Amino acid sequence: MDIQMKTIAFITRVHPKRPNMLKKCIESVKMQTNDDYIHILHKDDKTSEGYGIALANRSLAKIKNINAKYTMVLDDDDMLIDPNFVEMFKEKVNKNNPEIVFFKGLLDDGRGIYPKPQIWDKAPKFKLIASFCFAVRCDIWMDNIYEFGKPANGRVGGDFSFISSCYKRTKTHVWFNRLVAKTQRGASGGKGEHEHA
């Protein structure tokens, strides 16, 4: 039986000590007005303490057979805040067929909305963009996901190494001026695997 390919896959890395955040993340995806998505919950071993940020970053490369045209990281400490995102995203990609779609996300620990205005419609810059601010075509994801977490410019890379690699190896980018997601509580704030609630 053929399963129809969805427009977007949300990839959620599951930290064992953030069950309440995970629940809110899942609920935020289920609130979408269009169901043309899949939500992949990724926990790649049986640890009860978390993997450490380096392993959590590298673990994304273990996700295979993503049955969607585009892929977006939505970690368990993040949540969608636009219930019409999938509907609007689908309309945007069907019209433009881009390799990457950039949009806005709120880091609610005081850092504010990313990507920062100075890089809007320009190449991503370190500490001015986050992984929940873009979706990438699935073939581009597969070609570049091993970059996730690699150092960038001599600094800890995290999501920026992946975003930068995708950007440099692609030509068709759409900048979608819409606030799509946010971090849950400043206590997590996208700071990574070592933080938990």
Protein backbone atom coordinates (compact mmCIF):
# COMPACT_ATOMS: atom_id res chain seq x y z
CA MET A 1 0.00 0.00 0.00
CA ASP A 2 1.41 3.38 -1.05
CA ILE A 3 1.46 6.09 1.58
CA GLN A 4 1.16 9.51 0.02
CA MET A 5 4.17 11.77 0.54
CA LYS A 6 3.39 14.67 2.84
CA THR A 7 4.46 18.26 2.24
CA ILE A 8 6.46 18.66 5.47
CA ALA A 9 7.98 16.48 8.20
CA PHE A 10 8.49 17.93 11.66
CA ILE A 11 11.47 16.20 13.31
CA THR A 12 11.35 16.28 17.11
CA ARG A 13 14.30 15.08 19.19
CA VAL A 14 12.88 13.70 22.43
CA HIS A 15 14.72 14.43 25.68
CA PRO A 16 13.73 11.97 28.44
CA LYS A 17 13.46 14.69 31.09
CA ARG A 18 11.13 17.04 29.17
CA PRO A 19 7.82 15.13 28.96
CA ASN A 20 5.67 18.21 29.56
CA MET A 21 7.44 20.16 26.85
CA LEU A 22 7.12 17.21 24.47
CA LYS A 23 3.38 17.08 25.13
CA LYS A 24 3.00 20.78 24.28
CA CYS A 25 5.13 20.32 21.16
CA ILE A 26 2.95 17.43 19.95
CA GLU A 27 -0.26 19.33 20.74
CA SER A 28 0.99 22.36 18.79
CA VAL A 29 1.53 20.20 15.70
CA LYS A 30 -1.89 18.58 16.05
CA MET A 31 -3.47 22.06 16.09
CA GLN A 32 -2.56 22.56 12.43
CA THR A 33 -5.57 23.27 10.23
CA ASN A 34 -4.06 21.18 7.42
CA ASP A 35 -2.88 17.60 8.01
CA ASP A 36 -0.42 17.45 5.11
CA TYR A 37 2.48 16.71 7.49
CA ILE A 38 4.14 13.93 9.43
CA HIS A 39 5.56 14.32 12.92
CA ILE A 40 8.60 12.16 13.64
CA LEU A 41 9.54 11.73 17.30
CA HIS A 42 13.19 10.73 17.51
CA LYS A 43 14.74 9.10 20.57
CA ASP A 44 17.68 7.06 19.40
CA ASP A 45 18.56 5.10 22.56
CA LYS A 46 17.20 4.18 25.97
CA THR A 47 19.03 6.77 28.05
CA SER A 48 17.08 8.27 30.95
CA GLU A 49 19.41 11.26 31.36
CA GLY A 50 19.76 12.62 27.83
CA TYR A 51 22.46 12.06 25.26
CA GLY A 52 24.66 15.10 25.69
CA ILE A 53 24.40 17.82 23.09
CA ALA A 54 27.00 16.37 20.69
CA LEU A 55 25.25 13.01 20.41
CA ALA A 56 21.83 14.66 20.22
CA ASN A 57 23.07 16.71 17.26
CA ARG A 58 24.64 13.73 15.47
CA SER A 59 21.57 11.56 16.08
CA LEU A 60 19.57 13.48 13.46
CA ALA A 61 21.63 11.74 10.75
CA LYS A 62 20.12 8.41 11.88
CA ILE A 63 16.64 9.39 10.71
CA LYS A 64 15.96 7.73 7.36
CA ASN A 65 13.00 7.26 5.00
CA ILE A 66 11.35 10.61 5.69
CA ASN A 67 8.15 10.49 3.64
CA ALA A 68 7.84 14.22 3.03
CA LYS A 69 9.02 16.81 0.53
CA TYR A 70 10.42 19.17 3.17
CA THR A 71 11.85 18.69 6.64
CA MET A 72 11.97 20.99 9.68
CA VAL A 73 13.54 20.52 13.11
CA LEU A 74 11.00 21.21 15.86
CA ASP A 75 12.67 20.06 19.06
CA ASP A 76 10.64 18.97 22.08
CA ASP A 77 11.33 22.30 23.81
CA ASP A 78 9.83 24.17 20.82
CA MET A 79 6.25 24.49 19.62
CA LEU A 80 4.34 25.75 16.60
CA ILE A 81 2.35 28.92 17.27
CA ASP A 82 0.77 29.38 13.84
CA PRO A 83 -2.06 26.86 13.33
CA ASN A 84 -2.20 27.75 9.62
CA PHE A 85 1.51 27.17 9.01
CA VAL A 86 1.20 23.89 7.09
CA GLU A 87 -1.57 25.30 4.89
CA MET A 88 0.41 28.46 4.08
CA PHE A 89 3.70 26.58 3.71
CA LYS A 90 2.13 24.16 1.24
CA GLU A 91 0.79 27.04 -0.83
CA LYS A 92 4.22 28.73 -0.81
CA VAL A 93 6.24 25.67 -1.87
CA ASN A 94 3.73 24.57 -4.51
CA LYS A 95 4.03 28.00 -6.08
CA ASN A 96 7.82 28.43 -5.88
CA ASN A 97 9.33 24.94 -5.46
CA PRO A 98 12.26 26.28 -3.38
CA GLU A 99 15.09 24.26 -1.88
CA ILE A 100 14.82 26.17 1.43
CA VAL A 101 12.03 28.18 3.05
CA PHE A 102 13.01 30.58 5.83
CA PHE A 103 10.48 31.95 8.32
CA LYS A 104 10.44 33.45 11.81
CA GLY A 105 10.69 31.90 15.27
CA LEU A 106 10.57 33.42 18.75
CA LEU A 107 13.24 32.61 21.34
CA ASP A 108 11.36 33.58 24.49
CA ASP A 109 14.43 33.89 26.71
CA GLY A 110 14.95 37.52 25.73
CA ARG A 111 16.72 36.94 22.43
CA GLY A 112 13.53 37.72 20.53
CA ILE A 113 12.56 36.90 16.97
CA TYR A 114 14.97 35.03 14.68
CA PRO A 115 16.27 35.36 11.99
CA LYS A 116 17.44 38.79 13.07
CA PRO A 117 16.46 41.63 10.68
CA GLN A 118 20.03 42.19 9.49
CA ILE A 119 20.14 38.77 7.84
CA TRP A 120 16.60 38.68 6.47
CA ASP A 121 16.86 37.70 2.80
CA LYS A 122 20.62 37.21 3.21
CA ALA A 123 23.03 34.40 4.08
CA PRO A 124 22.46 32.99 7.61
CA LYS A 125 24.83 34.22 10.33
CA PHE A 126 25.96 32.51 13.55
CA LYS A 127 23.67 33.26 16.54
CA LEU A 128 21.18 35.15 14.34
CA ILE A 129 19.10 32.18 13.17
CA ALA A 130 17.78 28.94 14.69
CA SER A 131 16.85 25.50 13.38
CA PHE A 132 13.11 26.10 13.76
CA CYS A 133 13.36 29.07 11.40
CA PHE A 134 13.63 27.08 8.22
CA ALA A 135 12.47 24.02 6.32
CA VAL A 136 14.63 22.34 3.73
CA ARG A 137 13.77 20.03 0.86
CA CYS A 138 14.28 16.45 2.00
CA ASP A 139 17.06 15.62 -0.46
CA ILE A 140 18.99 18.68 0.76
CA TRP A 141 18.40 17.54 4.36
CA MET A 142 19.86 14.11 3.59
CA ASP A 143 22.91 15.59 1.85
CA ASN A 144 23.71 18.01 4.68
CA ILE A 145 22.37 16.58 7.96
CA TYR A 146 25.79 15.19 8.91
CA GLU A 147 26.88 18.84 9.30
CA PHE A 148 24.50 19.32 12.24
CA GLY A 149 26.61 20.05 15.33
CA LYS A 150 29.94 20.45 13.55
CA PRO A 151 32.03 23.45 14.64
CA ALA A 152 31.52 26.63 12.63
CA ASN A 153 34.26 29.28 12.42
CA GLY A 154 36.08 27.63 15.33
CA ARG A 155 32.98 27.75 17.54
CA VAL A 156 30.41 25.16 18.58
CA GLY A 157 28.29 24.70 15.50
CA GLY A 158 24.97 23.26 16.62
CA ASP A 159 22.20 23.95 14.16
CA PHE A 160 24.06 26.78 12.44
CA SER A 161 26.57 24.45 10.76
CA PHE A 162 23.67 22.57 9.18
CA ILE A 163 21.75 25.70 8.17
CA SER A 164 24.87 27.27 6.68
CA SER A 165 25.78 24.11 4.76
CA CYS A 166 22.28 23.84 3.29
CA TYR A 167 22.31 27.50 2.29
CA LYS A 168 25.73 27.37 0.61
CA ARG A 169 24.79 24.31 -1.44
CA THR A 170 21.46 25.62 -2.72
CA LYS A 171 20.23 28.41 -4.96
CA THR A 172 16.46 28.71 -4.51
CA HIS A 173 15.47 30.27 -1.19
CA VAL A 174 12.14 31.73 -0.17
CA TRP A 175 11.88 34.10 2.80
CA PHE A 176 8.37 33.69 4.24
CA ASN A 177 7.59 36.64 6.53
CA ARG A 178 5.56 34.69 9.07
CA LEU A 179 6.07 33.90 12.79
CA VAL A 180 5.80 30.11 12.93
CA ALA A 181 7.25 28.69 16.16
CA LYS A 182 8.61 29.55 19.58
CA THR A 183 10.71 28.05 22.32
CA GLN A 184 8.91 26.90 25.45
CA ARG A 185 9.89 29.00 28.47
CA GLY A 186 13.11 30.92 28.71
CA ALA A 187 14.52 28.14 30.90
CA SER A 188 15.02 25.99 27.84
CA GLY A 189 15.14 28.68 25.18
CA GLY A 190 16.76 26.55 22.53
CA LYS A 191 19.93 26.20 24.61
CA GLY A 192 20.10 22.54 23.81
CA GLU A 193 20.29 19.05 25.12
CA HIS A 194 21.96 19.87 28.45
CA GLU A 195 18.94 21.90 29.57
CA HIS A 196 15.78 20.15 30.72
CA ALA A 197 12.60 20.86 32.63
